[in-house]
C-alpha atoms as a PDB file:
ATOM      1  CA  UNK A   1     -34.609 -15.103 -56.814  1.00  0.00           C
ATOM      2  CA  UNK A   2     -31.277 -13.900 -58.247  1.00  0.00           C
ATOM      3  CA  UNK A   3     -31.465 -10.835 -56.043  1.00  0.00           C
ATOM      4  CA  UNK A   4     -31.958 -13.010 -52.952  1.00  0.00           C
ATOM      5  CA  UNK A   5     -28.965 -15.243 -53.827  1.00  0.00           C
ATOM      6  CA  UNK A   6     -26.822 -12.146 -54.414  1.00  0.00           C
ATOM      7  CA  UNK A   7     -27.848 -10.683 -51.052  1.00  0.00           C
ATOM      8  CA  UNK A   8     -27.048 -13.949 -49.250  1.00  0.00           C
ATOM      9  CA  UNK A   9     -23.652 -14.140 -50.967  1.00  0.00           C
ATOM     10  CA  UNK A  10     -22.837 -10.566 -49.885  1.00  0.00           C
ATOM     11  CA  UNK A  11     -23.841 -11.318 -46.304  1.00  0.00           C
ATOM     12  CA  UNK A  12     -21.681 -14.449 -46.288  1.00  0.00           C
ATOM     13  CA  UNK A  13     -18.668 -12.499 -47.549  1.00  0.00           C
ATOM     14  CA  UNK A  14     -19.259  -9.715 -45.041  1.00  0.00           C
ATOM     15  CA  UNK A  15     -19.273 -12.292 -42.241  1.00  0.00           C
ATOM     16  CA  UNK A  16     -15.851 -13.566 -43.355  1.00  0.00           C
ATOM     17  CA  UNK A  17     -14.217 -10.139 -43.419  1.00  0.00           C
ATOM     18  CA  UNK A  18     -12.017  -8.915 -40.584  1.00  0.00           C
ATOM     19  CA  UNK A  19     -10.532  -5.414 -40.496  1.00  0.00           C
ATOM     20  CA  UNK A  20      -6.875  -5.551 -39.473  1.00  0.00           C
ATOM     21  CA  UNK A  21      -5.340  -3.356 -36.821  1.00  0.00           C
ATOM     22  CA  UNK A  22      -3.720  -0.264 -38.392  1.00  0.00           C
ATOM     23  CA  UNK A  23      -0.425  -1.759 -37.233  1.00  0.00           C
ATOM     24  CA  UNK A  24      -0.890  -4.871 -39.387  1.00  0.00           C
ATOM     25  CA  UNK A  25      -0.360  -4.969 -43.160  1.00  0.00           C
ATOM     26  CA  UNK A  26      -2.246  -7.473 -45.308  1.00  0.00           C
ATOM     27  CA  UNK A  27       0.144  -9.632 -47.386  1.00  0.00           C
ATOM     28  CA  UNK A  28      -2.285 -12.374 -48.433  1.00  0.00           C
ATOM     29  CA  UNK A  29      -1.304 -13.404 -51.940  1.00  0.00           C
ATOM     30  CA  UNK A  30       1.673 -11.027 -52.027  1.00  0.00           C
ATOM     31  CA  UNK A  31       4.441 -13.200 -50.590  1.00  0.00           C
ATOM     32  CA  UNK A  32       5.112 -16.928 -50.949  1.00  0.00           C
ATOM     33  CA  UNK A  33       3.724 -19.576 -48.636  1.00  0.00           C
ATOM     34  CA  UNK A  34       5.787 -20.523 -45.606  1.00  0.00           C
ATOM     35  CA  UNK A  35       8.689 -22.760 -46.642  1.00  0.00           C
ATOM     36  CA  UNK A  36      12.044 -23.408 -44.969  1.00  0.00           C
ATOM     37  CA  UNK A  37      14.487 -26.022 -43.698  1.00  0.00           C
ATOM     38  CA  UNK A  38      16.429 -25.159 -40.524  1.00  0.00           C
ATOM     39  CA  UNK A  39      17.484 -26.610 -37.174  1.00  0.00           C
ATOM     40  CA  UNK A  40      15.257 -26.364 -34.086  1.00  0.00           C
ATOM     41  CA  UNK A  41      17.687 -25.423 -31.302  1.00  0.00           C
ATOM     42  CA  UNK A  42      15.607 -27.173 -28.629  1.00  0.00           C
ATOM     43  CA  UNK A  43      15.694 -30.580 -30.306  1.00  0.00           C
ATOM     44  CA  UNK A  44      18.734 -30.281 -32.567  1.00  0.00           C
ATOM     45  CA  UNK A  45      16.599 -31.741 -35.369  1.00  0.00           C
ATOM     46  CA  UNK A  46      16.047 -30.416 -38.857  1.00  0.00           C
ATOM     47  CA  UNK A  47      12.565 -28.949 -39.220  1.00  0.00           C
ATOM     48  CA  UNK A  48      10.525 -27.520 -42.053  1.00  0.00           C
ATOM     49  CA  UNK A  49       7.249 -25.669 -42.422  1.00  0.00           C
ATOM     50  CA  UNK A  50       5.428 -29.017 -42.418  1.00  0.00           C
ATOM     51  CA  UNK A  51       6.149 -29.430 -38.707  1.00  0.00           C
ATOM     52  CA  UNK A  52       4.195 -26.262 -37.925  1.00  0.00           C
ATOM     53  CA  UNK A  53       1.094 -26.869 -40.058  1.00  0.00           C
ATOM     54  CA  UNK A  54      -2.073 -26.575 -38.045  1.00  0.00           C
ATOM     55  CA  UNK A  55      -0.850 -23.526 -36.110  1.00  0.00           C
ATOM     56  CA  UNK A  56      -0.704 -19.875 -37.008  1.00  0.00           C
ATOM     57  CA  UNK A  57       3.026 -19.322 -37.505  1.00  0.00           C
ATOM     58  CA  UNK A  58       4.866 -16.067 -36.921  1.00  0.00           C
ATOM     59  CA  UNK A  59       8.244 -15.724 -38.639  1.00  0.00           C
ATOM     60  CA  UNK A  60      10.696 -13.251 -37.126  1.00  0.00           C
ATOM     61  CA  UNK A  61      14.381 -12.642 -37.889  1.00  0.00           C
ATOM     62  CA  UNK A  62      16.650 -11.405 -35.085  1.00  0.00           C
ATOM     63  CA  UNK A  63      19.567 -12.266 -32.819  1.00  0.00           C
ATOM     64  CA  UNK A  64      20.163 -12.836 -29.123  1.00  0.00           C
ATOM     65  CA  UNK A  65      22.581  -9.933 -28.593  1.00  0.00           C
ATOM     66  CA  UNK A  66      20.093  -7.442 -29.982  1.00  0.00           C
ATOM     67  CA  UNK A  67      19.960  -4.625 -27.431  1.00  0.00           C
ATOM     68  CA  UNK A  68      16.442  -3.340 -28.089  1.00  0.00           C
ATOM     69  CA  UNK A  69      14.373  -4.385 -31.137  1.00  0.00           C
ATOM     70  CA  UNK A  70      14.322  -8.158 -30.586  1.00  0.00           C
ATOM     71  CA  UNK A  71      13.593  -8.206 -26.854  1.00  0.00           C
ATOM     72  CA  UNK A  72      10.923  -5.512 -27.232  1.00  0.00           C
ATOM     73  CA  UNK A  73       9.273  -7.375 -30.123  1.00  0.00           C
ATOM     74  CA  UNK A  74       9.280 -10.725 -28.307  1.00  0.00           C
ATOM     75  CA  UNK A  75       8.070  -9.111 -25.074  1.00  0.00           C
ATOM     76  CA  UNK A  76       5.179  -7.483 -26.921  1.00  0.00           C
ATOM     77  CA  UNK A  77       4.323 -10.774 -28.630  1.00  0.00           C
ATOM     78  CA  UNK A  78       4.113 -12.344 -25.168  1.00  0.00           C
ATOM     79  CA  UNK A  79       1.748  -9.526 -24.114  1.00  0.00           C
ATOM     80  CA  UNK A  80      -0.356 -10.222 -27.207  1.00  0.00           C
ATOM     81  CA  UNK A  81      -0.519 -13.947 -26.381  1.00  0.00           C
ATOM     82  CA  UNK A  82      -1.701 -13.152 -22.866  1.00  0.00           C
ATOM     83  CA  UNK A  83      -4.425 -10.943 -24.353  1.00  0.00           C
ATOM     84  CA  UNK A  84      -5.467 -13.790 -26.681  1.00  0.00           C
ATOM     85  CA  UNK A  85      -6.135 -16.226 -23.843  1.00  0.00           C
ATOM     86  CA  UNK A  86      -6.572 -19.860 -24.908  1.00  0.00           C
ATOM     87  CA  UNK A  87      -6.326 -18.984 -28.632  1.00  0.00           C
ATOM     88  CA  UNK A  88      -2.597 -18.286 -28.086  1.00  0.00           C
ATOM     89  CA  UNK A  89      -2.009 -22.050 -27.900  1.00  0.00           C
ATOM     90  CA  UNK A  90      -2.688 -22.084 -31.655  1.00  0.00           C
ATOM     91  CA  UNK A  91       0.189 -19.674 -32.412  1.00  0.00           C
ATOM     92  CA  UNK A  92       3.892 -20.476 -32.812  1.00  0.00           C
ATOM     93  CA  UNK A  93       6.717 -17.940 -33.189  1.00  0.00           C
ATOM     94  CA  UNK A  94       9.757 -18.999 -35.208  1.00  0.00           C
ATOM     95  CA  UNK A  95      12.717 -16.837 -34.168  1.00  0.00           C
ATOM     96  CA  UNK A  96      15.340 -17.182 -36.923  1.00  0.00           C
ATOM     97  CA  UNK A  97      18.784 -15.999 -35.911  1.00  0.00           C
ATOM     98  CA  UNK A  98      20.609 -13.796 -38.396  1.00  0.00           C
ATOM     99  CA  UNK A  99      23.781 -14.143 -36.280  1.00  0.00           C
ATOM    100  CA  UNK A 100      24.457 -17.888 -36.096  1.00  0.00           C
ATOM    101  CA  UNK A 101      28.167 -17.279 -35.467  1.00  0.00           C
ATOM    102  CA  UNK A 102      27.352 -16.012 -31.964  1.00  0.00           C
ATOM    103  CA  UNK A 103      23.906 -17.541 -31.462  1.00  0.00           C
ATOM    104  CA  UNK A 104      24.923 -21.059 -30.569  1.00  0.00           C
ATOM    105  CA  UNK A 105      22.103 -23.583 -30.163  1.00  0.00           C
ATOM    106  CA  UNK A 106      22.386 -23.330 -26.366  1.00  0.00           C
ATOM    107  CA  UNK A 107      22.397 -19.511 -26.348  1.00  0.00           C
ATOM    108  CA  UNK A 108      19.445 -19.323 -28.738  1.00  0.00           C
ATOM    109  CA  UNK A 109      17.440 -21.931 -26.804  1.00  0.00           C
ATOM    110  CA  UNK A 110      18.020 -20.067 -23.540  1.00  0.00           C
ATOM    111  CA  UNK A 111      17.106 -16.717 -25.101  1.00  0.00           C
ATOM    112  CA  UNK A 112      13.865 -17.882 -26.714  1.00  0.00           C
ATOM    113  CA  UNK A 113      12.785 -19.644 -23.508  1.00  0.00           C
ATOM    114  CA  UNK A 114      12.707 -16.227 -21.808  1.00  0.00           C
ATOM    115  CA  UNK A 115       9.719 -15.249 -23.953  1.00  0.00           C
ATOM    116  CA  UNK A 116       7.427 -18.196 -23.328  1.00  0.00           C
ATOM    117  CA  UNK A 117       6.563 -21.565 -24.801  1.00  0.00           C
ATOM    118  CA  UNK A 118       5.265 -20.079 -28.074  1.00  0.00           C
ATOM    119  CA  UNK A 119       8.791 -19.164 -29.253  1.00  0.00           C
ATOM    120  CA  UNK A 120      11.063 -21.630 -31.047  1.00  0.00           C
ATOM    121  CA  UNK A 121      14.636 -20.728 -31.997  1.00  0.00           C
ATOM    122  CA  UNK A 122      15.810 -21.711 -35.482  1.00  0.00           C
ATOM    123  CA  UNK A 123      19.328 -21.765 -36.903  1.00  0.00           C
ATOM    124  CA  UNK A 124      20.418 -22.452 -40.432  1.00  0.00           C
ATOM    125  CA  UNK A 125      23.602 -22.615 -42.426  1.00  0.00           C
ATOM    126  CA  UNK A 126      24.407 -19.602 -44.604  1.00  0.00           C
ATOM    127  CA  UNK A 127      22.560 -21.012 -47.632  1.00  0.00           C
ATOM    128  CA  UNK A 128      19.415 -21.769 -45.627  1.00  0.00           C
ATOM    129  CA  UNK A 129      19.423 -18.392 -43.901  1.00  0.00           C
ATOM    130  CA  UNK A 130      19.986 -16.360 -47.060  1.00  0.00           C
ATOM    131  CA  UNK A 131      17.407 -18.384 -49.009  1.00  0.00           C
ATOM    132  CA  UNK A 132      14.782 -17.772 -46.323  1.00  0.00           C
ATOM    133  CA  UNK A 133      15.623 -14.067 -46.081  1.00  0.00           C
ATOM    134  CA  UNK A 134      15.426 -13.689 -49.881  1.00  0.00           C
ATOM    135  CA  UNK A 135      12.119 -15.569 -49.997  1.00  0.00           C
ATOM    136  CA  UNK A 136      10.489 -12.976 -47.720  1.00  0.00           C
ATOM    137  CA  UNK A 137      12.623  -9.990 -48.764  1.00  0.00           C
ATOM    138  CA  UNK A 138      14.069  -9.633 -45.268  1.00  0.00           C
ATOM    139  CA  UNK A 139      17.107  -7.401 -44.975  1.00  0.00           C
ATOM    140  CA  UNK A 140      19.901  -8.087 -42.500  1.00  0.00           C
ATOM    141  CA  UNK A 141      23.666  -7.680 -42.258  1.00  0.00           C
ATOM    142  CA  UNK A 142      26.427  -8.827 -39.961  1.00  0.00           C
ATOM    143  CA  UNK A 143      29.649  -6.805 -39.926  1.00  0.00           C
ATOM    144  CA  UNK A 144      32.502  -8.206 -37.844  1.00  0.00           C
ATOM    145  CA  UNK A 145      35.101  -5.451 -38.310  1.00  0.00           C
ATOM    146  CA  UNK A 146      36.013  -2.869 -37.169  1.00  0.00           C
ATOM    147  CA  UNK A 147      33.268  -3.543 -34.602  1.00  0.00           C
ATOM    148  CA  UNK A 148      30.732  -6.344 -34.507  1.00  0.00           C
ATOM    149  CA  UNK A 149      27.402  -4.960 -35.707  1.00  0.00           C
ATOM    150  CA  UNK A 150      24.146  -6.634 -36.729  1.00  0.00           C
ATOM    151  CA  UNK A 151      21.177  -4.984 -38.409  1.00  0.00           C
ATOM    152  CA  UNK A 152      17.884  -6.601 -39.371  1.00  0.00           C
ATOM    153  CA  UNK A 153      14.301  -5.954 -40.400  1.00  0.00           C
ATOM    154  CA  UNK A 154      11.818  -5.898 -37.544  1.00  0.00           C
ATOM    155  CA  UNK A 155       8.628  -7.113 -39.242  1.00  0.00           C
ATOM    156  CA  UNK A 156       6.845 -10.233 -38.003  1.00  0.00           C
ATOM    157  CA  UNK A 157       5.320 -12.332 -40.808  1.00  0.00           C
ATOM    158  CA  UNK A 158       2.048 -14.110 -39.986  1.00  0.00           C
ATOM    159  CA  UNK A 159       1.023 -17.308 -41.796  1.00  0.00           C
ATOM    160  CA  UNK A 160      -2.242 -19.152 -41.268  1.00  0.00           C
ATOM    161  CA  UNK A 161      -2.512 -22.798 -40.185  1.00  0.00           C
ATOM    162  CA  UNK A 162      -2.004 -23.920 -43.792  1.00  0.00           C
ATOM    163  CA  UNK A 163       1.173 -21.823 -44.196  1.00  0.00           C
ATOM    164  CA  UNK A 164      -0.481 -19.140 -46.345  1.00  0.00           C
ATOM    165  CA  UNK A 165       0.680 -15.528 -45.789  1.00  0.00           C
ATOM    166  CA  UNK A 166      -1.826 -13.364 -43.917  1.00  0.00           C
ATOM    167  CA  UNK A 167      -0.281 -10.135 -42.645  1.00  0.00           C
ATOM    168  CA  UNK A 168       2.849  -8.469 -41.310  1.00  0.00           C
ATOM    169  CA  UNK A 169       2.939  -7.038 -37.804  1.00  0.00           C
ATOM    170  CA  UNK A 170       5.019  -3.876 -37.903  1.00  0.00           C
ATOM    171  CA  UNK A 171       6.333  -1.729 -35.088  1.00  0.00           C
ATOM    172  CA  UNK A 172       6.284  -4.174 -32.167  1.00  0.00           C
ATOM    173  CA  UNK A 173       9.588  -2.730 -31.019  1.00  0.00           C
ATOM    174  CA  UNK A 174       7.912   0.669 -30.482  1.00  0.00           C
ATOM    175  CA  UNK A 175       6.576   2.088 -27.267  1.00  0.00           C
ATOM    176  CA  UNK A 176       2.818   1.734 -27.780  1.00  0.00           C
ATOM    177  CA  UNK A 177       1.876  -1.164 -30.049  1.00  0.00           C
ATOM    178  CA  UNK A 178      -1.799  -1.944 -30.599  1.00  0.00           C
ATOM    179  CA  UNK A 179      -1.818  -5.029 -28.341  1.00  0.00           C
ATOM    180  CA  UNK A 180      -5.632  -5.513 -28.356  1.00  0.00           C
ATOM    181  CA  UNK A 181      -5.890  -5.008 -32.135  1.00  0.00           C
ATOM    182  CA  UNK A 182      -3.043  -7.374 -32.968  1.00  0.00           C
ATOM    183  CA  UNK A 183      -4.389  -9.942 -30.492  1.00  0.00           C
ATOM    184  CA  UNK A 184      -7.740  -9.722 -32.265  1.00  0.00           C
ATOM    185  CA  UNK A 185      -6.085 -10.195 -35.668  1.00  0.00           C
ATOM    186  CA  UNK A 186      -4.134 -13.251 -34.485  1.00  0.00           C
ATOM    187  CA  UNK A 187      -7.174 -14.727 -32.763  1.00  0.00           C
ATOM    188  CA  UNK A 188      -9.142 -14.284 -35.993  1.00  0.00           C
ATOM    189  CA  UNK A 189      -6.291 -15.992 -37.907  1.00  0.00           C
ATOM    190  CA  UNK A 190      -6.577 -19.068 -35.644  1.00  0.00           C
ATOM    191  CA  UNK A 191     -10.184 -19.668 -36.684  1.00  0.00           C
ATOM    192  CA  UNK A 192     -10.690 -22.263 -39.431  1.00  0.00           C
END
């Protein structure tokens, strides 16, 4: 009897397991739950993680004048959503600007709209931005002299519908991301 219960428990656990794409890094239990307070540039209202519960949430830090990493990452996310089909409706990207001095609400709203309805632009004051970056150990810098330069991490953090960390998508700015594998991982994350 004990052997039978053990076997059933192992089968149940095996059914719940999903191997991530080699491009995705498991962070479950390693980083804090999703938490923030910022301004949604489309509505002008203050939002928090509570407003995104029920959807798989992708957190990405970037800026609208980014010449390569940000547009490539957002373009590849759009490709992933197309691969996901109807499951993509359960995913929301939060694009947090690290350059709020130049990324006005209007500029950020226009930029994020270029990458589909799944992308929401967020702005915060310096305290909100730095607190969020510290929370997820995201590195960025803005240097205004002698020339204006912005650098930032390129990882996309994935949180499940309850705001729990799941995995990081790395390398979406590269030439050949694993679109089918990442789409499979995100589709799996949308399942209750």
